[in-house]
Amino acid sequence: MTSAAPPPSPPSAIRTDTAPGVLTGPDRAAVQRRTLRVLIAAQIVAGLGMGSMLSSGGLLVERLTGSQSLAGLSTTLITLGAALLAVPLAALSRARGRRAGLGTGWLVAAAGAVVVLIAARFGAYPPVLLGMLLIGAATAANLQSRYAATDLAEPGARAGALSLVVWSTTVGSVLGPNLSGPGEAVARPLGLPGPAGTFVFSVVAFVLGWAVVHTLLRPDPLLSAGTGHAAHAAGPDGEGFAARMRAAMRHVSASPAALTGLTALVLGHGVMVAVMSMTPVHLAHHGASLSVIGFTISVHIAGMYGLSPLVGRAADRLGRVPVILLGQAVLVTATLLAGTAGSRQWPVTAGLFLLGVGWSCVTVAGSTLLGESVGAAHRQEVEGLSDTAMNLVGAAGGAFSGTVLGDYGYGGLNAAAAVLVAPSGALALYFVLRRR
């Protein structure tokens, strides 16, 4: 006599443990909704930490060194740190899931902010730079959160899910810089230089971001999707880390779709950073007030993040490549409008808004196309490589844009940025023709 089989679980049940297992049907949809809520919450909380210190990092470095020319090192080192830490965090996600990868990124950033605070308290300049480098882990975690949003998403909703996480960054980007005043009030009783006070908020925000991910991101989306697990951490045939990275690069180079997404993503980011970083300088040289400069950058940020849900919906309905091509056209229009503005302020502001919209198009559609064009065995390595390339090109764009501005003017800088759009546009067109 055989024993009766246990009753099946209700279709709507959600697994809340972290044991690896592939979810399907209603389980998958329910966990995806939960995953998006948790990722958005973590982005908002931890994003405040990034936004609060980005406006004061340069001021702190200038205060400690007495050199205005060295103030830009803070942003450069954060970007470099993000580039260096993107691949290790992606590898950690592959081995232990998104909770480990994203959570570690926020904790490393919190440790970096603590290093900055201690060094600032004693007036030590080199450790501040080390802390800035570690804070780059927050940028790396921020970027990889967008890929985590697609782990369990259905093919027709991946771009929309990714765009919601990108959109949630708006809160920190807009509200964070406004913490500079309260930061100075916090700095005084702690014996810190005024600009260092915002790093206290950064420590709290990064730790809260880790707590949200570590506590609530259950079940882990990557493990539940069956594309990341400790048992497969060594990759196909047990290959090591270096071999996996080489295989991932070969995988991307052999896929026109992946190449199209990667090129659009990386070059679009470089165009945006190069033009955006020198726009305040250009406006100031033509007599613009700080309020006008601040308004222009705010409009630019609104273009980057505010419309991303609409961009994601378009990428799901119209296709990834059409939205990438649209983004290239918008970027070229932005550089044309801003580059021919001369001393007029409104075309520069309008151009910066379009620059943000173009960046949103190539980032949302390019990231989605890249993620779905590579096999599960290489996906996390490719994600890490793409974020590393984005940050390296962005750092290079920011570093060289000042030289180009000095030699050729703001119009020349925008012209060079427009030329940089050409390779990704050509690849996207080639991909469309090849499919036809």
Protein backbone atom coordinates (compact mmCIF):
# COMPACT_ATOMS: atom_id res chain seq x y z
CA MET A 1 0.00 0.00 0.00
CA THR A 2 1.58 3.27 -1.09
CA SER A 3 1.50 6.34 1.06
CA ALA A 4 -0.53 9.28 -0.09
CA ALA A 5 1.39 12.05 -1.85
CA PRO A 6 1.51 15.35 0.03
CA PRO A 7 -0.93 17.97 -1.22
CA PRO A 8 0.56 20.36 -3.76
CA SER A 9 1.54 23.85 -2.65
CA PRO A 10 -0.88 26.61 -3.63
CA PRO A 11 0.17 28.30 -6.86
CA SER A 12 0.50 31.68 -5.17
CA ALA A 13 2.91 30.50 -2.49
CA ILE A 14 6.22 32.36 -2.35
CA ARG A 15 9.40 30.69 -1.21
CA THR A 16 11.09 32.85 1.41
CA ASP A 17 14.20 30.74 1.96
CA THR A 18 17.45 31.26 0.08
CA ALA A 19 17.87 27.72 -1.15
CA PRO A 20 18.59 27.71 -4.86
CA GLY A 21 15.75 26.68 -7.08
CA VAL A 22 14.24 27.87 -10.29
CA LEU A 23 10.91 29.65 -9.92
CA THR A 24 8.21 29.51 -12.55
CA GLY A 25 4.68 30.78 -13.11
CA PRO A 26 2.93 32.70 -10.31
CA ASP A 27 5.86 32.12 -7.93
CA ARG A 28 8.26 33.82 -10.32
CA ALA A 29 5.96 36.80 -10.94
CA ALA A 30 5.34 37.33 -7.23
CA VAL A 31 9.03 37.17 -6.33
CA GLN A 32 9.85 39.54 -9.20
CA ARG A 33 7.42 42.13 -7.84
CA ARG A 34 8.96 41.79 -4.38
CA THR A 35 12.46 42.01 -5.84
CA LEU A 36 11.66 45.27 -7.63
CA ARG A 37 10.23 46.82 -4.46
CA VAL A 38 13.31 45.87 -2.45
CA LEU A 39 15.77 47.07 -5.11
CA ILE A 40 13.96 50.40 -5.46
CA ALA A 41 13.96 50.89 -1.69
CA ALA A 42 17.68 50.10 -1.46
CA GLN A 43 18.46 52.45 -4.34
CA ILE A 44 16.54 55.31 -2.73
CA VAL A 45 18.13 54.87 0.70
CA ALA A 46 21.71 54.22 -0.41
CA GLY A 47 21.38 56.72 -3.26
CA LEU A 48 20.97 59.47 -0.68
CA GLY A 49 24.43 58.54 0.57
CA MET A 50 25.95 59.02 -2.88
CA GLY A 51 24.06 62.21 -3.61
CA SER A 52 24.94 63.78 -0.28
CA MET A 53 28.70 63.37 -0.62
CA LEU A 54 29.15 63.93 -4.35
CA SER A 55 28.50 67.65 -3.89
CA SER A 56 30.96 67.94 -0.99
CA GLY A 57 33.75 65.48 -1.87
CA GLY A 58 35.57 67.96 -4.07
CA LEU A 59 35.18 70.70 -1.45
CA LEU A 60 36.67 68.43 1.21
CA VAL A 61 39.69 67.56 -0.93
CA GLU A 62 40.20 71.25 -1.72
CA ARG A 63 39.96 72.14 2.00
CA LEU A 64 42.55 69.52 2.99
CA THR A 65 45.01 70.18 0.16
CA GLY A 66 44.50 73.89 -0.45
CA SER A 67 44.51 73.13 -4.18
CA GLN A 68 41.53 73.77 -6.42
CA SER A 69 43.10 71.72 -9.22
CA LEU A 70 43.08 68.60 -7.02
CA ALA A 71 39.41 68.91 -6.08
CA GLY A 72 38.29 66.87 -9.08
CA LEU A 73 40.23 63.85 -7.81
CA SER A 74 37.34 62.88 -5.55
CA THR A 75 34.95 62.19 -8.44
CA THR A 76 37.72 60.60 -10.52
CA LEU A 77 38.65 58.18 -7.74
CA ILE A 78 35.04 57.23 -7.04
CA THR A 79 34.61 56.45 -10.74
CA LEU A 80 37.88 54.50 -10.80
CA GLY A 81 36.84 52.57 -7.70
CA ALA A 82 33.56 51.63 -9.36
CA ALA A 83 35.48 50.38 -12.39
CA LEU A 84 37.88 48.29 -10.29
CA LEU A 85 35.19 46.78 -8.04
CA ALA A 86 32.49 46.06 -10.65
CA VAL A 87 33.92 42.72 -11.78
CA PRO A 88 34.67 41.33 -8.27
CA LEU A 89 31.16 42.25 -7.09
CA ALA A 90 29.64 40.62 -10.17
CA ALA A 91 31.71 37.49 -9.54
CA LEU A 92 30.50 37.45 -5.93
CA SER A 93 26.90 37.70 -7.16
CA ARG A 94 27.49 34.74 -9.45
CA ALA A 95 28.89 32.65 -6.61
CA ARG A 96 26.56 33.64 -3.77
CA GLY A 97 23.67 35.59 -5.27
CA ARG A 98 22.62 39.22 -5.56
CA ARG A 99 22.26 39.70 -1.80
CA ALA A 100 25.96 39.01 -1.35
CA GLY A 101 27.12 41.05 -4.36
CA LEU A 102 24.99 44.15 -3.83
CA GLY A 103 25.21 44.04 -0.04
CA THR A 104 28.99 43.80 -0.10
CA GLY A 105 29.13 46.80 -2.41
CA TRP A 106 27.17 48.94 0.04
CA LEU A 107 29.27 47.75 3.01
CA VAL A 108 32.57 48.49 1.24
CA ALA A 109 31.26 51.97 0.41
CA ALA A 110 30.28 52.49 4.07
CA ALA A 111 33.81 51.48 5.11
CA GLY A 112 35.20 53.97 2.59
CA ALA A 113 33.08 56.77 4.05
CA VAL A 114 34.33 55.89 7.55
CA VAL A 115 37.92 56.10 6.29
CA VAL A 116 37.17 59.56 4.86
CA LEU A 117 35.71 60.73 8.17
CA ILE A 118 38.66 59.49 10.24
CA ALA A 119 41.19 60.96 7.80
CA ALA A 120 39.33 64.28 7.66
CA ARG A 121 39.25 64.45 11.46
CA PHE A 122 43.06 64.36 11.54
CA GLY A 123 43.56 66.41 8.37
CA ALA A 124 45.20 63.50 6.50
CA TYR A 125 44.83 63.83 2.74
CA PRO A 126 46.03 60.47 1.25
CA PRO A 127 43.62 58.28 3.29
CA VAL A 128 40.74 60.47 2.08
CA LEU A 129 41.61 59.44 -1.47
CA LEU A 130 41.65 55.77 -0.44
CA GLY A 131 38.22 56.24 1.11
CA MET A 132 36.93 57.81 -2.11
CA LEU A 133 38.21 54.81 -4.04
CA LEU A 134 36.29 52.45 -1.75
CA ILE A 135 33.14 54.57 -2.02
CA GLY A 136 33.19 53.66 -5.72
CA ALA A 137 31.72 50.32 -4.59
CA ALA A 138 28.43 52.17 -4.07
CA THR A 139 28.39 53.21 -7.72
CA ALA A 140 29.18 49.62 -8.74
CA ALA A 141 26.33 48.28 -6.58
CA ASN A 142 24.01 50.96 -7.94
CA LEU A 143 24.75 49.92 -11.52
CA GLN A 144 24.47 46.19 -10.86
CA SER A 145 21.08 46.66 -9.20
CA ARG A 146 19.61 47.36 -12.64
CA TYR A 147 20.71 43.92 -13.83
CA ALA A 148 19.27 42.32 -10.69
CA ALA A 149 15.89 43.74 -11.71
CA THR A 150 15.94 41.55 -14.84
CA ASP A 151 16.92 38.22 -13.24
CA LEU A 152 13.31 37.05 -12.92
CA ALA A 153 11.63 39.40 -15.40
CA GLU A 154 9.77 38.01 -18.40
CA PRO A 155 11.40 38.81 -21.77
CA GLY A 156 8.74 41.38 -22.66
CA ALA A 157 9.14 43.23 -19.36
CA ARG A 158 12.91 43.26 -18.81
CA ALA A 159 13.55 46.80 -19.99
CA GLY A 160 10.63 48.09 -17.95
CA ALA A 161 11.91 46.39 -14.78
CA LEU A 162 15.43 47.67 -15.35
CA SER A 163 14.17 51.20 -16.00
CA LEU A 164 12.25 51.33 -12.70
CA VAL A 165 15.47 50.70 -10.76
CA VAL A 166 17.26 53.35 -12.83
CA TRP A 167 14.39 55.76 -12.14
CA SER A 168 14.63 55.24 -8.37
CA THR A 169 18.11 56.76 -8.47
CA THR A 170 16.42 60.14 -9.07
CA VAL A 171 15.51 60.51 -5.40
CA GLY A 172 19.08 60.34 -4.12
CA SER A 173 20.45 62.44 -6.97
CA VAL A 174 17.98 65.25 -6.29
CA LEU A 175 17.68 65.17 -2.49
CA GLY A 176 21.23 64.15 -1.58
CA PRO A 177 23.01 67.43 -2.48
CA ASN A 178 20.58 69.32 -0.26
CA LEU A 179 22.13 67.62 2.79
CA SER A 180 25.25 69.82 2.56
CA GLY A 181 23.82 72.37 5.01
CA PRO A 182 22.80 69.82 7.66
CA GLY A 183 26.16 68.11 7.07
CA GLU A 184 28.02 71.22 8.20
CA ALA A 185 25.92 71.30 11.37
CA VAL A 186 26.86 67.67 12.08
CA ALA A 187 30.54 68.29 11.34
CA ARG A 188 31.08 71.00 13.98
CA PRO A 189 30.45 68.95 17.17
CA LEU A 190 32.49 66.06 15.71
CA GLY A 191 35.50 68.27 15.03
CA LEU A 192 35.31 67.65 11.29
CA PRO A 193 35.84 70.07 8.40
CA GLY A 194 32.47 71.39 7.23
CA PRO A 195 32.32 69.45 3.92
CA ALA A 196 33.02 66.17 5.73
CA GLY A 197 29.72 66.22 7.60
CA THR A 198 27.77 64.78 4.69
CA PHE A 199 29.91 61.62 4.87
CA VAL A 200 28.23 60.85 8.20
CA PHE A 201 24.94 60.66 6.29
CA SER A 202 26.67 58.52 3.66
CA VAL A 203 27.77 55.94 6.24
CA VAL A 204 24.22 55.65 7.59
CA ALA A 205 22.69 55.49 4.11
CA PHE A 206 25.09 52.82 2.82
CA VAL A 207 24.56 50.64 5.91
CA LEU A 208 20.79 50.99 5.52
CA GLY A 209 21.11 50.02 1.85
CA TRP A 210 22.98 46.88 2.91
CA ALA A 211 20.36 46.12 5.57
CA VAL A 212 17.49 46.43 3.09
CA VAL A 213 19.15 44.09 0.59
CA HIS A 214 20.45 41.61 3.17
CA THR A 215 17.16 41.38 5.08
CA LEU A 216 14.49 41.71 2.42
CA LEU A 217 15.95 40.41 -0.86
CA ARG A 218 14.66 36.89 -0.20
CA PRO A 219 14.52 34.67 -2.12
CA ASP A 220 17.57 35.82 -4.01
CA PRO A 221 16.49 36.66 -7.60
CA LEU A 222 19.67 35.37 -9.23
CA LEU A 223 19.63 32.06 -7.38
CA SER A 224 15.90 31.69 -7.98
CA ALA A 225 16.40 32.25 -11.70
CA GLY A 226 18.88 29.38 -11.76
CA THR A 227 21.66 31.51 -13.31
CA GLY A 228 23.87 31.95 -10.29
CA HIS A 229 24.78 29.44 -7.59
CA ALA A 230 27.76 28.44 -5.58
CA ALA A 231 27.76 25.06 -7.29
CA HIS A 232 28.38 26.79 -10.59
CA ALA A 233 30.71 29.49 -9.28
CA ALA A 234 33.64 28.03 -11.15
CA GLY A 235 31.75 28.29 -14.42
CA PRO A 236 31.57 25.71 -17.19
CA ASP A 237 33.93 22.80 -16.68
CA GLY A 238 35.25 24.29 -13.45
CA GLU A 239 37.19 27.08 -15.15
CA GLY A 240 38.73 29.76 -12.95
CA PHE A 241 38.08 33.47 -12.68
CA ALA A 242 40.58 34.63 -15.33
CA ALA A 243 39.39 31.98 -17.77
CA ARG A 244 35.77 33.00 -17.21
CA MET A 245 36.60 36.63 -17.94
CA ARG A 246 38.36 35.71 -21.18
CA ALA A 247 35.47 33.49 -22.16
CA ALA A 248 33.00 36.29 -21.40
CA MET A 249 34.90 38.71 -23.65
CA ARG A 250 34.98 36.14 -26.46
CA HIS A 251 31.27 35.54 -25.93
CA VAL A 252 30.46 39.24 -26.31
CA SER A 253 32.72 39.72 -29.34
CA ALA A 254 31.02 36.81 -31.11
CA SER A 255 27.51 38.21 -30.59
CA PRO A 256 26.45 41.20 -32.71
CA ALA A 257 23.55 41.87 -30.31
CA ALA A 258 25.79 41.87 -27.24
CA LEU A 259 28.37 44.06 -28.99
CA THR A 260 25.65 46.50 -29.99
CA GLY A 261 24.35 46.77 -26.44
CA LEU A 262 27.81 47.08 -24.89
CA THR A 263 29.05 49.70 -27.35
CA ALA A 264 25.93 51.82 -27.02
CA LEU A 265 26.08 51.60 -23.24
CA VAL A 266 29.77 52.48 -22.89
CA LEU A 267 30.10 55.18 -25.55
CA GLY A 268 26.78 56.80 -24.59
CA HIS A 269 28.04 57.09 -21.02
CA GLY A 270 31.31 58.62 -22.23
CA VAL A 271 29.46 61.22 -24.32
CA MET A 272 27.24 62.17 -21.40
CA VAL A 273 30.07 62.53 -18.86
CA ALA A 274 32.35 64.50 -21.21
CA VAL A 275 29.74 67.14 -22.06
CA MET A 276 28.05 67.30 -18.66
CA SER A 277 31.27 67.72 -16.67
CA MET A 278 32.37 70.82 -18.62
CA THR A 279 28.96 72.49 -18.99
CA PRO A 280 29.15 74.30 -15.61
CA VAL A 281 32.57 75.67 -16.59
CA HIS A 282 31.22 76.86 -19.96
CA LEU A 283 28.20 78.52 -18.38
CA ALA A 284 30.31 80.21 -15.71
CA HIS A 285 32.67 81.60 -18.35
CA HIS A 286 29.67 83.23 -20.02
CA GLY A 287 28.44 84.86 -16.81
CA ALA A 288 25.77 82.39 -15.70
CA SER A 289 24.87 82.51 -12.01
CA LEU A 290 25.23 79.52 -9.71
CA SER A 291 21.44 79.18 -9.63
CA VAL A 292 21.33 78.91 -13.44
CA ILE A 293 24.14 76.36 -13.44
CA GLY A 294 22.41 74.35 -10.70
CA PHE A 295 19.11 74.47 -12.58
CA THR A 296 20.80 73.22 -15.77
CA ILE A 297 22.37 70.25 -13.99
CA SER A 298 19.05 69.46 -12.26
CA VAL A 299 17.28 69.46 -15.62
CA HIS A 300 20.00 67.17 -16.95
CA ILE A 301 19.50 64.72 -14.08
CA ALA A 302 15.76 64.81 -14.65
CA GLY A 303 16.38 63.83 -18.27
CA MET A 304 18.66 60.98 -17.21
CA TYR A 305 16.38 59.34 -14.67
CA GLY A 306 12.94 60.92 -14.69
CA LEU A 307 11.81 59.51 -18.03
CA SER A 308 13.46 56.10 -17.71
CA PRO A 309 10.16 54.19 -17.06
CA LEU A 310 8.82 55.52 -20.38
CA VAL A 311 12.08 54.56 -22.07
CA GLY A 312 11.84 51.06 -20.61
CA ARG A 313 8.27 50.66 -21.83
CA ALA A 314 9.32 51.78 -25.31
CA ALA A 315 12.22 49.31 -25.33
CA ASP A 316 9.85 46.47 -24.41
CA ARG A 317 7.25 47.41 -27.01
CA LEU A 318 9.35 48.71 -29.90
CA GLY A 319 12.51 46.68 -29.35
CA ARG A 320 15.92 47.34 -27.83
CA VAL A 321 17.76 48.39 -30.99
CA PRO A 322 15.18 51.00 -32.15
CA VAL A 323 15.42 52.68 -28.74
CA ILE A 324 19.23 52.56 -28.91
CA LEU A 325 19.09 54.24 -32.33
CA LEU A 326 16.65 56.80 -30.93
CA GLY A 327 19.09 57.45 -28.11
CA GLN A 328 21.94 58.03 -30.59
CA ALA A 329 19.81 60.54 -32.50
CA VAL A 330 18.88 62.36 -29.28
CA LEU A 331 22.54 62.50 -28.18
CA VAL A 332 23.60 64.01 -31.51
CA THR A 333 20.75 66.54 -31.31
CA ALA A 334 21.80 67.43 -27.76
CA THR A 335 25.42 68.06 -28.74
CA LEU A 336 24.31 70.10 -31.76
CA LEU A 337 21.98 72.26 -29.67
CA ALA A 338 24.43 72.84 -26.83
CA GLY A 339 27.51 73.11 -29.03
CA THR A 340 26.07 75.91 -31.16
CA ALA A 341 24.59 77.84 -28.23
CA GLY A 342 27.49 80.23 -27.79
CA SER A 343 26.74 82.55 -24.86
CA ARG A 344 23.01 81.74 -24.84
CA GLN A 345 21.93 79.79 -21.79
CA TRP A 346 18.60 78.26 -22.78
CA PRO A 347 19.99 76.11 -25.65
CA VAL A 348 22.63 74.75 -23.28
CA THR A 349 19.96 73.85 -20.72
CA ALA A 350 17.78 72.25 -23.41
CA GLY A 351 20.80 70.40 -24.79
CA LEU A 352 21.68 69.05 -21.34
CA PHE A 353 18.13 67.81 -20.86
CA LEU A 354 18.28 65.96 -24.19
CA LEU A 355 21.73 64.65 -23.28
CA GLY A 356 20.15 63.05 -20.21
CA VAL A 357 17.28 61.59 -22.25
CA GLY A 358 19.71 60.14 -24.80
CA TRP A 359 21.77 58.61 -22.02
CA SER A 360 18.62 57.06 -20.56
CA CYS A 361 17.72 55.50 -23.92
CA VAL A 362 21.11 53.91 -24.54
CA THR A 363 21.55 52.84 -20.91
CA VAL A 364 18.16 51.18 -20.46
CA ALA A 365 17.95 49.59 -23.92
CA GLY A 366 21.66 48.81 -24.15
CA SER A 367 21.81 47.16 -20.71
CA THR A 368 18.74 45.07 -21.47
CA LEU A 369 20.03 43.98 -24.88
CA LEU A 370 23.44 43.09 -23.44
CA GLY A 371 22.01 41.09 -20.54
CA GLU A 372 19.67 39.01 -22.67
CA SER A 373 22.18 38.43 -25.50
CA VAL A 374 24.68 36.41 -23.47
CA GLY A 375 24.28 32.95 -22.03
CA ALA A 376 23.66 32.38 -18.34
CA ALA A 377 27.15 30.92 -17.93
CA HIS A 378 28.75 34.28 -18.77
CA ARG A 379 26.11 36.81 -17.75
CA GLN A 380 27.55 38.03 -14.44
CA GLU A 381 31.05 38.39 -15.86
CA VAL A 382 29.66 40.39 -18.80
CA GLU A 383 27.67 42.61 -16.43
CA GLY A 384 30.81 43.35 -14.44
CA LEU A 385 32.86 44.01 -17.56
CA SER A 386 30.24 46.39 -18.96
CA ASP A 387 30.13 48.41 -15.74
CA THR A 388 33.93 48.52 -15.60
CA ALA A 389 34.08 49.74 -19.19
CA MET A 390 31.36 52.34 -18.53
CA ASN A 391 33.22 53.80 -15.58
CA LEU A 392 36.63 53.76 -17.26
CA VAL A 393 35.29 55.52 -20.36
CA GLY A 394 33.38 57.95 -18.15
CA ALA A 395 36.54 58.73 -16.17
CA ALA A 396 38.48 59.23 -19.40
CA GLY A 397 35.73 61.47 -20.78
CA GLY A 398 35.76 63.60 -17.68
CA ALA A 399 39.58 63.76 -17.61
CA PHE A 400 40.07 64.75 -21.26
CA SER A 401 37.04 67.01 -21.63
CA GLY A 402 38.81 69.88 -19.87
CA THR A 403 41.70 69.72 -22.32
CA VAL A 404 39.36 69.62 -25.31
CA LEU A 405 37.38 72.53 -23.89
CA GLY A 406 40.54 74.58 -23.43
CA ASP A 407 41.88 73.83 -26.92
CA TYR A 408 38.72 73.81 -29.04
CA GLY A 409 36.01 75.41 -26.92
CA TYR A 410 32.60 74.10 -25.87
CA GLY A 411 31.53 73.72 -29.50
CA GLY A 412 34.57 71.57 -30.23
CA LEU A 413 33.88 69.43 -27.18
CA ASN A 414 30.31 68.78 -28.31
CA ALA A 415 31.49 68.02 -31.86
CA ALA A 416 33.96 65.45 -30.53
CA ALA A 417 31.20 63.92 -28.40
CA ALA A 418 28.91 63.68 -31.43
CA VAL A 419 31.62 61.81 -33.35
CA LEU A 420 31.88 59.37 -30.43
CA VAL A 421 28.25 58.41 -31.03
CA ALA A 422 29.00 57.14 -34.54
CA PRO A 423 30.48 53.66 -33.74
CA SER A 424 27.53 52.54 -31.63
CA GLY A 425 25.05 53.92 -34.16
CA ALA A 426 26.82 52.06 -36.97
CA LEU A 427 26.82 48.82 -34.97
CA ALA A 428 23.11 49.16 -34.21
CA LEU A 429 22.32 49.71 -37.90
CA TYR A 430 24.51 46.73 -38.83
CA PHE A 431 22.66 44.58 -36.32
CA VAL A 432 19.29 45.59 -37.78
CA LEU A 433 20.45 44.87 -41.36
CA ARG A 434 22.00 41.56 -40.33
CA ARG A 435 18.76 40.39 -38.72
CA ARG A 436 16.82 41.32 -41.86
